Amino acid sequence: MYSLGIDIGSSSVKVSLLDIASGKCVQSVTHPRTEAPIRSPQKGWAEQDPEMWWGYIRDGLLELSGERKLDGVVSIGITYQMHGLVAVDKKVRPVRDSIIWCDSRAVEIGAEALQGIGYEKCMSHLLNSPGNFTASKLAWVKRNEPRRYEKVWKFMLPGDYIAYKLSGEVATTATGLSEQILWDFKEARRADFVAEYYGIDPAQIPEVVPSIGVVARTNAETERLLGIPAGTPIAYRCGDQPNNAFSLNVLEPGEVAATGGTSGVVYGVTDVPKADAQSRVNTFLHVNDRPDAHRYGVLLCINGTGILNSWMRRHVSPGMSYPEMNDCAATAPAGSDGLLVLPFGNGAERVLGNRNIGAAFSGLDLVRHGTPHLLRATQEGIAFSFRYGIDVMREIGLDLQVIRAGKANLFLSPLFRETLATLCGADIQLYDTDGSLGAARGGALGAGFYASPAEAFATLACVGEVHPRAEWKAPLDAAYENWKEKLTKSL
């Protein structure tokens, strides 16, 4: 028996089959082969066609079915890029391209809402500023594209839309509402006062279903197209960052997860609702939140991380593989001989108060610095941005002693791992898992094939540990203080 995990990213879509009995991945497929396109009609905008995601999923599943029949799939879990807006008409067709997570067009609308609703109410009930989240994106459509808005019957998150494509049922989750800034943490219910402020009809919000549990089943069309039996339970749905934490078995207070894909994320779990006064980090419902055992996720997101590393590969070290880039960077000294990189070049950064300051190099010496310094300073700059946000998380009471991470993307770099561990004074535990496998485990758990999270993660083993390097501490601390000074002057 297999559980299917679907991971809808902005760069690609990944589908994986998990053997439920062994807890092992039997096959994974990623589409497209190159990076998925993101439309940017104006500076700070980012859009994707939801039908493109569905096409990649179909392609991936058809490739999987070429290797083994999908009639052995008994559960499905879905994870997706957070905060994206998918607005649909009465025939459940998108009325426009999705405004995705890194789009910053609604920042000003969110800032207006913070004042209009009231700072104290937002902090005590939403635990966040309305910011650039999904409800604010829909408010932008209402204000700027009224003809399109008139057609909107429901609005969903990317994972909600894909669940609909598989089942024909339209729904969302409480976890999803919290990432749309439509969850009232104080009252533990939908935050209709936000919709009312924006002039959004609450009827446009889909029915709320659990994140973990059988909430929909595949339909006959899915069986005809893809070979997955009709009636297969879709039993897990979660945004990518809480799902990445789930994938690493980060479910209880004090546990922390990190990722370093296109964006960089640190995600800590707490049982006490916390808000950062400046909304530099954000609190959402965690995937395993229950009325009798609340779990909240405090999220630090840095947009311009892995995308900067890939930019460097294309433009500074073409022809090098990522391992070759890592080896080259390691030949430069800790602190990169004074070269600093601000990695903020992928839209408005929440940790910087929703400012978009762009990426920048500082201290470049054309005589002393070469490719190794540029590559090392890039990875150090990304690690510095993590440290900057982690300091904010510590300010609101989260204690980070051990960080769990999947051995993927930036965490494949020994240099990056050791730099981050040294800067944060924390050990890093590495696991061989990813978001699609986490979603597959979630689907099997929600469908009852695993009796508990402990059983679901019984086969998940640590594959490596990273410790701070004492000899790097002084040069990295000094470089970080210089970096932070440069950043402060840029804000």
Protein backbone atom coordinates (compact mmCIF):
# COMPACT_ATOMS: atom_id res chain seq x y z
CA MET A 1 0.00 0.00 0.00
CA TYR A 2 1.24 3.43 -0.94
CA SER A 3 0.54 6.92 0.31
CA LEU A 4 0.89 9.65 -2.32
CA GLY A 5 2.47 12.97 -1.34
CA ILE A 6 2.02 16.04 -3.55
CA ASP A 7 4.21 19.11 -2.98
CA ILE A 8 3.18 22.22 -4.95
CA GLY A 9 6.11 24.63 -4.97
CA SER A 10 6.68 27.80 -6.94
CA SER A 11 9.79 26.34 -8.62
CA SER A 12 8.43 22.84 -9.25
CA VAL A 13 5.90 20.22 -8.20
CA LYS A 14 7.04 16.96 -6.64
CA VAL A 15 5.03 13.76 -6.26
CA SER A 16 6.25 10.85 -4.14
CA LEU A 17 5.06 7.38 -3.25
CA LEU A 18 5.65 6.24 0.33
CA ASP A 19 5.46 2.55 1.19
CA ILE A 20 3.30 2.72 4.30
CA ALA A 21 4.58 -0.50 5.88
CA SER A 22 8.30 0.32 5.62
CA GLY A 23 8.05 4.11 5.75
CA LYS A 24 10.39 4.29 2.75
CA CYS A 25 10.10 6.31 -0.44
CA VAL A 26 9.67 4.03 -3.41
CA GLN A 27 9.66 6.69 -6.12
CA SER A 28 9.66 10.48 -6.56
CA VAL A 29 9.17 12.62 -9.66
CA THR A 30 9.64 16.37 -10.07
CA HIS A 31 8.14 18.53 -12.82
CA PRO A 32 9.08 20.62 -14.68
CA ARG A 33 12.67 19.57 -15.37
CA THR A 34 13.70 23.22 -15.28
CA GLU A 35 12.37 25.94 -12.99
CA ALA A 36 8.65 26.71 -13.35
CA PRO A 37 7.90 30.15 -14.79
CA ILE A 38 6.72 33.00 -12.58
CA ARG A 39 5.09 35.96 -14.30
CA SER A 40 6.08 39.41 -13.02
CA PRO A 41 4.12 42.02 -15.01
CA GLN A 42 5.31 44.74 -12.61
CA LYS A 43 8.10 45.08 -10.08
CA GLY A 44 7.26 43.15 -6.92
CA TRP A 45 4.54 41.06 -8.60
CA ALA A 46 4.63 37.27 -8.86
CA GLU A 47 1.91 35.15 -10.50
CA GLN A 48 1.42 31.57 -11.66
CA ASP A 49 -1.40 29.79 -13.47
CA PRO A 50 -3.05 27.23 -11.14
CA GLU A 51 -3.69 25.03 -14.17
CA MET A 52 0.08 24.90 -14.67
CA TRP A 53 0.45 23.26 -11.22
CA TRP A 54 -2.25 20.75 -12.12
CA GLY A 55 -0.49 20.00 -15.41
CA TYR A 56 2.78 19.32 -13.60
CA ILE A 57 0.99 17.04 -11.13
CA ARG A 58 -0.65 15.10 -13.96
CA ASP A 59 2.71 14.77 -15.74
CA GLY A 60 4.38 13.57 -12.55
CA LEU A 61 1.67 11.03 -11.75
CA LEU A 62 1.62 9.71 -15.27
CA GLU A 63 5.39 9.25 -15.06
CA LEU A 64 4.98 7.43 -11.75
CA SER A 65 2.29 5.19 -13.26
CA GLY A 66 4.70 4.25 -16.04
CA GLU A 67 6.86 2.55 -13.39
CA ARG A 68 4.16 1.06 -11.18
CA LYS A 69 0.38 1.03 -11.09
CA LEU A 70 -1.24 3.72 -8.95
CA ASP A 71 -4.12 1.44 -7.95
CA GLY A 72 -2.07 0.71 -4.83
CA VAL A 73 -2.46 4.30 -3.61
CA VAL A 74 -4.68 4.25 -0.51
CA SER A 75 -4.18 7.79 0.83
CA ILE A 76 -3.13 11.23 -0.40
CA GLY A 77 -1.50 14.18 1.34
CA ILE A 78 -1.05 17.64 -0.16
CA THR A 79 1.36 20.41 0.73
CA TYR A 80 1.64 23.72 -1.08
CA GLN A 81 3.27 27.14 -1.29
CA MET A 82 1.67 29.24 1.44
CA HIS A 83 -0.36 32.46 1.12
CA GLY A 84 -1.16 32.12 -2.59
CA LEU A 85 -4.53 33.40 -3.81
CA VAL A 86 -6.60 31.21 -6.13
CA ALA A 87 -9.88 32.99 -6.85
CA VAL A 88 -12.48 30.94 -8.76
CA ASP A 89 -15.89 31.46 -10.34
CA LYS A 90 -19.02 29.35 -9.84
CA LYS A 91 -17.66 26.73 -12.23
CA VAL A 92 -14.49 26.61 -10.07
CA ARG A 93 -12.36 28.11 -12.83
CA PRO A 94 -9.64 30.59 -11.83
CA VAL A 95 -10.68 34.14 -12.66
CA ARG A 96 -7.02 35.19 -12.87
CA ASP A 97 -3.54 33.79 -12.30
CA SER A 98 -2.69 33.04 -8.69
CA ILE A 99 -0.99 35.86 -6.80
CA ILE A 100 1.68 33.77 -5.08
CA TRP A 101 3.58 33.99 -1.79
CA CYS A 102 6.46 36.27 -2.89
CA ASP A 103 4.18 38.86 -4.56
CA SER A 104 4.35 42.14 -2.60
CA ARG A 105 1.63 44.22 -4.26
CA ALA A 106 -0.72 44.08 -1.25
CA VAL A 107 1.78 45.37 1.33
CA GLU A 108 0.22 48.85 1.48
CA ILE A 109 -3.31 47.41 1.71
CA GLY A 110 -2.23 45.30 4.66
CA ALA A 111 -0.61 48.31 6.33
CA GLU A 112 -3.86 50.24 5.91
CA ALA A 113 -5.79 47.34 7.47
CA LEU A 114 -3.45 47.31 10.48
CA GLN A 115 -4.49 50.89 11.17
CA GLY A 116 -8.13 50.45 10.15
CA ILE A 117 -8.78 47.33 12.22
CA GLY A 118 -6.51 48.57 14.99
CA TYR A 119 -3.04 47.50 16.01
CA GLU A 120 -4.08 46.04 19.37
CA LYS A 121 -6.89 43.97 17.87
CA CYS A 122 -4.64 42.63 15.11
CA MET A 123 -1.91 41.65 17.57
CA SER A 124 -4.26 40.07 20.12
CA HIS A 125 -6.64 38.31 17.70
CA LEU A 126 -4.58 37.70 14.53
CA LEU A 127 -1.11 37.57 16.14
CA ASN A 128 0.09 39.34 12.99
CA SER A 129 -0.35 42.41 10.88
CA PRO A 130 -2.70 41.75 7.91
CA GLY A 131 0.44 42.37 5.87
CA ASN A 132 0.76 40.77 2.47
CA PHE A 133 -1.26 37.65 3.26
CA THR A 134 -3.99 36.07 1.13
CA ALA A 135 -6.92 38.17 2.37
CA SER A 136 -4.94 41.34 1.58
CA LYS A 137 -4.18 39.98 -1.90
CA LEU A 138 -7.90 39.43 -2.52
CA ALA A 139 -8.58 42.96 -1.27
CA TRP A 140 -6.09 44.17 -3.89
CA VAL A 141 -8.07 42.35 -6.61
CA LYS A 142 -11.29 43.88 -5.30
CA ARG A 143 -9.80 47.36 -5.41
CA ASN A 144 -7.87 47.14 -8.67
CA GLU A 145 -9.67 44.50 -10.77
CA PRO A 146 -13.37 44.96 -9.93
CA ARG A 147 -14.62 43.12 -13.04
CA ARG A 148 -12.62 40.06 -12.13
CA TYR A 149 -13.64 40.34 -8.50
CA GLU A 150 -17.32 40.33 -9.47
CA LYS A 151 -16.80 36.80 -10.82
CA VAL A 152 -15.24 35.43 -7.61
CA TRP A 153 -17.38 32.71 -6.04
CA LYS A 154 -14.76 31.28 -3.67
CA PHE A 155 -11.11 31.92 -2.96
CA MET A 156 -8.67 29.21 -1.98
CA LEU A 157 -5.06 28.39 -1.31
CA PRO A 158 -3.03 26.43 -3.89
CA GLY A 159 -3.44 23.15 -2.00
CA ASP A 160 -7.19 23.68 -1.69
CA TYR A 161 -7.41 24.06 -5.46
CA ILE A 162 -5.48 20.86 -6.15
CA ALA A 163 -7.63 18.97 -3.61
CA TYR A 164 -10.64 20.22 -5.61
CA LYS A 165 -9.11 19.01 -8.89
CA LEU A 166 -8.71 15.53 -7.39
CA SER A 167 -12.07 15.33 -5.63
CA GLY A 168 -14.48 17.94 -6.98
CA GLU A 169 -14.93 19.31 -3.42
CA VAL A 170 -14.13 22.89 -2.38
CA ALA A 171 -12.82 23.36 1.17
CA THR A 172 -10.02 24.89 3.22
CA THR A 173 -8.56 24.29 6.69
CA ALA A 174 -8.23 26.29 9.91
CA THR A 175 -4.46 26.12 9.43
CA GLY A 176 -5.00 27.56 5.97
CA LEU A 177 -7.24 30.33 7.30
CA SER A 178 -4.51 31.33 9.74
CA GLU A 179 -2.02 31.75 6.87
CA GLN A 180 -4.60 33.82 4.98
CA ILE A 181 -4.88 36.11 8.07
CA LEU A 182 -8.47 34.94 8.53
CA TRP A 183 -8.17 33.09 11.85
CA ASP A 184 -9.04 34.63 15.22
CA PHE A 185 -6.63 33.06 17.72
CA LYS A 186 -8.30 34.66 20.71
CA GLU A 187 -11.78 33.37 19.84
CA ALA A 188 -10.59 30.17 18.07
CA ARG A 189 -12.79 30.76 15.04
CA ARG A 190 -12.78 32.34 11.60
CA ALA A 191 -11.83 36.03 11.69
CA ASP A 192 -14.82 37.43 9.84
CA PHE A 193 -13.95 40.92 11.06
CA VAL A 194 -11.00 40.94 8.62
CA ALA A 195 -13.26 39.97 5.71
CA GLU A 196 -15.75 42.63 6.82
CA TYR A 197 -13.03 45.30 6.90
CA TYR A 198 -11.96 44.41 3.37
CA GLY A 199 -15.55 44.18 2.10
CA ILE A 200 -15.13 40.46 1.34
CA ASP A 201 -18.28 38.35 1.53
CA PRO A 202 -17.69 35.58 4.13
CA ALA A 203 -19.65 33.30 1.79
CA GLN A 204 -16.62 33.42 -0.52
CA ILE A 205 -14.59 31.54 2.13
CA PRO A 206 -14.83 27.77 1.64
CA GLU A 207 -16.03 25.31 4.27
CA VAL A 208 -13.40 24.55 6.92
CA VAL A 209 -12.21 20.94 7.28
CA PRO A 210 -9.42 19.38 9.41
CA SER A 211 -5.82 19.43 8.20
CA ILE A 212 -5.32 15.80 9.25
CA GLY A 213 -8.23 13.44 8.61
CA VAL A 214 -10.37 12.14 5.76
CA VAL A 215 -12.05 15.25 4.39
CA ALA A 216 -12.44 14.40 0.68
CA ARG A 217 -12.09 11.46 -1.68
CA THR A 218 -10.90 11.24 -5.24
CA ASN A 219 -13.56 11.17 -7.92
CA ALA A 220 -14.13 9.05 -11.01
CA GLU A 221 -12.40 11.60 -13.25
CA THR A 222 -9.18 11.26 -11.24
CA GLU A 223 -9.35 7.49 -11.66
CA ARG A 224 -9.92 7.85 -15.40
CA LEU A 225 -7.08 10.34 -15.89
CA LEU A 226 -4.49 9.07 -13.44
CA GLY A 227 -5.37 5.54 -12.38
CA ILE A 228 -5.80 6.40 -8.69
CA PRO A 229 -8.89 4.53 -7.48
CA ALA A 230 -12.02 6.64 -7.03
CA GLY A 231 -12.78 7.06 -3.33
CA THR A 232 -9.13 7.27 -2.25
CA PRO A 233 -9.03 9.52 0.85
CA ILE A 234 -7.38 12.91 0.69
CA ALA A 235 -6.45 12.99 4.37
CA TYR A 236 -3.85 15.73 4.84
CA ARG A 237 -3.52 19.32 3.66
CA CYS A 238 -0.95 21.81 4.91
CA GLY A 239 1.13 24.80 3.78
CA ASP A 240 4.73 24.08 2.89
CA GLN A 241 6.40 25.49 5.98
CA PRO A 242 4.28 23.83 8.68
CA ASN A 243 4.47 20.71 6.50
CA ASN A 244 8.26 20.87 6.37
CA ALA A 245 8.20 20.97 10.17
CA PHE A 246 5.76 18.05 10.20
CA SER A 247 8.05 16.16 7.79
CA LEU A 248 10.83 16.46 10.38
CA ASN A 249 8.54 15.33 13.23
CA VAL A 250 8.57 18.85 14.66
CA LEU A 251 5.23 18.78 16.45
CA GLU A 252 5.78 19.69 20.09
CA PRO A 253 6.66 22.93 21.92
CA GLY A 254 10.35 23.81 21.72
CA GLU A 255 11.01 21.81 18.55
CA VAL A 256 12.44 23.76 15.59
CA ALA A 257 12.76 23.05 11.86
CA ALA A 258 14.66 24.87 9.11
CA THR A 259 14.66 24.75 5.32
CA GLY A 260 16.77 26.41 2.66
CA GLY A 261 15.03 26.16 -0.70
CA THR A 262 14.09 29.15 -2.85
CA SER A 263 13.33 30.88 0.43
CA GLY A 264 14.83 30.16 3.83
CA VAL A 265 12.67 29.30 6.80
CA VAL A 266 13.01 28.66 10.51
CA TYR A 267 9.83 27.33 12.11
CA GLY A 268 9.40 26.78 15.85
CA VAL A 269 6.47 25.16 17.66
CA THR A 270 4.94 26.57 20.84
CA ASP A 271 1.79 25.98 22.88
CA VAL A 272 1.44 29.65 23.81
CA PRO A 273 0.16 32.09 21.15
CA LYS A 274 2.91 34.65 20.62
CA ALA A 275 3.10 37.76 18.47
CA ASP A 276 6.09 39.84 17.47
CA ALA A 277 5.18 43.48 17.98
CA GLN A 278 6.61 44.36 14.55
CA SER A 279 5.29 41.24 12.75
CA ARG A 280 8.81 40.37 11.61
CA VAL A 281 8.03 36.73 12.36
CA ASN A 282 4.54 35.32 12.07
CA THR A 283 2.43 32.91 14.09
CA PHE A 284 0.06 30.39 12.49
CA LEU A 285 -1.87 27.34 13.61
CA HIS A 286 0.36 24.31 13.39
CA VAL A 287 -0.89 21.29 11.48
CA ASN A 288 -1.54 19.27 14.68
CA ASP A 289 -3.37 22.02 16.59
CA ARG A 290 -6.35 20.74 18.60
CA PRO A 291 -8.81 22.47 20.93
CA ASP A 292 -7.48 20.42 23.86
CA ALA A 293 -3.78 20.73 22.88
CA HIS A 294 -2.98 23.93 21.03
CA ARG A 295 0.08 24.01 18.79
CA TYR A 296 1.25 27.16 17.08
CA GLY A 297 4.04 27.62 14.57
CA VAL A 298 6.24 30.72 14.70
CA LEU A 299 7.58 31.29 11.20
CA LEU A 300 10.66 33.19 10.09
CA CYS A 301 10.84 33.48 6.29
CA ILE A 302 13.68 34.97 4.26
CA ASN A 303 12.62 35.18 0.61
CA GLY A 304 16.05 35.70 -0.96
CA THR A 305 18.09 32.66 0.07
CA GLY A 306 18.39 29.65 -2.24
CA ILE A 307 17.33 31.81 -5.15
CA LEU A 308 20.44 33.95 -4.57
CA ASN A 309 22.65 30.87 -4.56
CA SER A 310 21.14 29.74 -7.88
CA TRP A 311 21.59 33.28 -9.28
CA MET A 312 25.27 33.11 -8.33
CA ARG A 313 25.57 29.78 -10.11
CA ARG A 314 24.12 31.19 -13.33
CA HIS A 315 25.95 34.52 -13.37
CA VAL A 316 29.14 34.18 -11.29
CA SER A 317 30.15 30.52 -11.56
CA PRO A 318 28.51 29.12 -14.72
CA GLY A 319 29.50 25.56 -15.38
CA MET A 320 30.03 24.75 -11.70
CA SER A 321 27.81 22.27 -9.93
CA TYR A 322 26.54 23.17 -6.46
CA PRO A 323 29.04 20.80 -4.80
CA GLU A 324 31.83 22.43 -6.82
CA MET A 325 30.59 25.86 -5.70
CA ASN A 326 30.65 24.68 -2.08
CA ASP A 327 34.22 23.38 -2.45
CA CYS A 328 35.31 26.63 -4.07
CA ALA A 329 33.67 28.74 -1.34
CA ALA A 330 35.40 26.70 1.38
CA THR A 331 38.80 27.91 0.13
CA ALA A 332 37.99 31.46 1.29
CA PRO A 333 38.39 32.30 5.01
CA ALA A 334 35.53 32.57 7.49
CA GLY A 335 34.18 36.10 7.21
CA SER A 336 35.05 36.19 3.48
CA ASP A 337 37.86 38.69 4.07
CA GLY A 338 35.42 41.56 4.65
CA LEU A 339 33.08 40.90 1.71
CA LEU A 340 29.40 41.07 2.77
CA VAL A 341 26.21 40.12 0.92
CA LEU A 342 22.67 41.24 1.72
CA PRO A 343 20.56 38.43 0.20
CA PHE A 344 17.23 40.28 0.02
CA GLY A 345 16.42 40.32 -3.68
CA ASN A 346 13.21 38.30 -3.99
CA GLY A 347 10.38 40.61 -3.01
CA ALA A 348 9.29 42.29 0.21
CA GLU A 349 10.78 40.71 3.33
CA ARG A 350 8.52 40.36 6.37
CA VAL A 351 11.49 40.23 8.72
CA LEU A 352 12.45 43.68 7.39
CA GLY A 353 9.00 45.18 7.93
CA ASN A 354 7.76 44.23 4.44
CA ARG A 355 10.49 46.27 2.78
CA ASN A 356 12.03 45.23 -0.53
CA ILE A 357 15.62 46.47 -0.28
CA GLY A 358 17.11 44.23 -2.96
CA ALA A 359 20.31 42.22 -2.84
CA ALA A 360 23.65 43.97 -2.46
CA PHE A 361 27.39 43.29 -2.18
CA SER A 362 29.42 45.45 0.19
CA GLY A 363 33.17 45.76 0.69
CA LEU A 364 34.12 44.22 -2.66
CA ASP A 365 37.87 44.64 -3.24
CA LEU A 366 38.75 44.00 -6.87
CA VAL A 367 42.34 43.15 -5.96
CA ARG A 368 41.81 40.77 -3.01
CA HIS A 369 38.44 39.15 -3.71
CA GLY A 370 37.72 36.44 -6.25
CA THR A 371 35.13 33.78 -6.97
CA PRO A 372 35.73 31.87 -3.69
CA HIS A 373 35.04 35.03 -1.66
CA LEU A 374 31.90 35.81 -3.66
CA LEU A 375 30.52 32.31 -3.18
CA ARG A 376 31.39 32.11 0.51
CA ALA A 377 30.06 35.61 1.23
CA THR A 378 26.80 34.57 -0.44
CA GLN A 379 26.34 31.56 1.84
CA GLU A 380 27.42 33.60 4.86
CA GLY A 381 24.99 36.38 3.95
CA ILE A 382 22.16 33.87 3.81
CA ALA A 383 23.23 32.45 7.19
CA PHE A 384 23.43 36.01 8.58
CA SER A 385 19.81 36.60 7.51
CA PHE A 386 18.80 33.42 9.34
CA ARG A 387 20.65 34.59 12.47
CA TYR A 388 18.95 38.00 12.24
CA GLY A 389 15.50 36.41 12.22
CA ILE A 390 16.38 33.81 14.85
CA ASP A 391 17.35 36.62 17.19
CA VAL A 392 13.83 38.01 16.71
CA MET A 393 12.35 34.59 17.53
CA ARG A 394 14.44 34.44 20.68
CA GLU A 395 13.16 37.89 21.66
CA ILE A 396 9.61 36.51 21.83
CA GLY A 397 10.65 33.53 23.91
CA LEU A 398 11.52 30.66 21.54
CA ASP A 399 14.62 28.76 22.64
CA LEU A 400 16.61 27.26 19.78
CA GLN A 401 19.10 24.68 20.96
CA VAL A 402 18.68 22.07 18.22
CA ILE A 403 17.49 22.70 14.66
CA ARG A 404 16.17 19.85 12.47
CA ALA A 405 16.57 20.13 8.71
CA GLY A 406 16.13 17.96 5.66
CA LYS A 407 19.41 17.13 3.94
CA ALA A 408 18.49 19.06 0.81
CA ASN A 409 19.02 22.37 -0.98
CA LEU A 410 21.26 24.71 1.05
CA PHE A 411 21.59 22.14 3.81
CA LEU A 412 23.54 19.96 1.36
CA SER A 413 26.38 22.48 1.78
CA PRO A 414 28.72 21.62 4.70
CA LEU A 415 29.89 25.23 4.66
CA PHE A 416 26.39 26.63 5.04
CA ARG A 417 25.43 24.11 7.73
CA GLU A 418 28.52 24.78 9.84
CA THR A 419 28.25 28.56 9.36
CA LEU A 420 24.63 28.56 10.53
CA ALA A 421 25.35 26.29 13.50
CA THR A 422 28.26 28.52 14.57
CA LEU A 423 26.31 31.76 14.21
CA CYS A 424 23.30 30.46 16.14
CA GLY A 425 25.17 28.43 18.75
CA ALA A 426 22.90 25.49 17.95
CA ASP A 427 23.38 21.92 16.78
CA ILE A 428 21.73 20.91 13.50
CA GLN A 429 20.25 17.44 12.96
CA LEU A 430 19.84 16.30 9.36
CA TYR A 431 17.14 13.96 8.06
CA ASP A 432 16.62 12.30 4.70
CA THR A 433 13.12 13.52 3.96
CA ASP A 434 11.30 16.27 2.09
CA GLY A 435 7.93 17.99 1.84
CA SER A 436 6.32 15.46 -0.48
CA LEU A 437 7.25 12.57 1.83
CA GLY A 438 5.96 14.54 4.81
CA ALA A 439 2.66 15.02 3.00
CA ALA A 440 2.55 11.30 2.20
CA ARG A 441 3.07 10.44 5.88
CA GLY A 442 0.37 12.95 6.78
CA GLY A 443 -2.03 11.38 4.31
CA ALA A 444 -1.43 7.90 5.75
CA LEU A 445 -1.83 9.25 9.30
CA GLY A 446 -5.04 11.08 8.46
CA ALA A 447 -6.48 8.02 6.73
CA GLY A 448 -5.75 5.84 9.76
CA PHE A 449 -2.96 3.70 8.29
CA TYR A 450 -0.73 5.02 11.06
CA ALA A 451 -2.26 5.03 14.53
CA SER A 452 -0.25 8.01 15.78
CA PRO A 453 2.47 10.49 14.77
CA ALA A 454 4.94 8.32 16.71
CA GLU A 455 4.13 5.39 14.42
CA ALA A 456 4.21 7.60 11.32
CA PHE A 457 7.73 8.78 12.11
CA ALA A 458 9.12 5.57 13.62
CA THR A 459 11.31 5.00 10.56
CA LEU A 460 12.57 8.59 10.24
CA ALA A 461 16.23 8.52 11.32
CA CYS A 462 18.80 11.28 11.81
CA VAL A 463 21.45 10.94 9.08
CA GLY A 464 23.93 13.49 10.40
CA GLU A 465 24.67 16.09 13.06
CA VAL A 466 26.38 19.45 12.66
CA HIS A 467 28.04 21.32 15.53
CA PRO A 468 29.35 24.90 15.84
CA ARG A 469 32.99 25.38 14.86
CA ALA A 470 34.86 27.19 17.62
CA GLU A 471 37.56 28.55 15.29
CA TRP A 472 34.94 30.25 13.12
CA LYS A 473 33.04 31.95 15.93
CA ALA A 474 35.12 35.14 16.27
CA PRO A 475 35.43 35.97 12.54
CA LEU A 476 31.79 35.12 11.86
CA ASP A 477 30.51 37.14 14.83
CA ALA A 478 32.57 40.14 13.70
CA ALA A 479 31.36 39.78 10.11
CA TYR A 480 27.76 39.45 11.30
CA GLU A 481 27.96 42.69 13.31
CA ASN A 482 29.29 44.50 10.23
CA TRP A 483 26.57 42.88 8.10
CA LYS A 484 23.86 43.94 10.54
CA GLU A 485 25.18 47.52 10.50
CA LYS A 486 24.99 47.55 6.70
CA LEU A 487 21.47 46.13 6.84
CA THR A 488 20.30 48.72 9.38
CA LYS A 489 21.56 51.54 7.13
CA SER A 490 19.63 50.04 4.21
CA LEU A 491 16.28 50.03 6.03
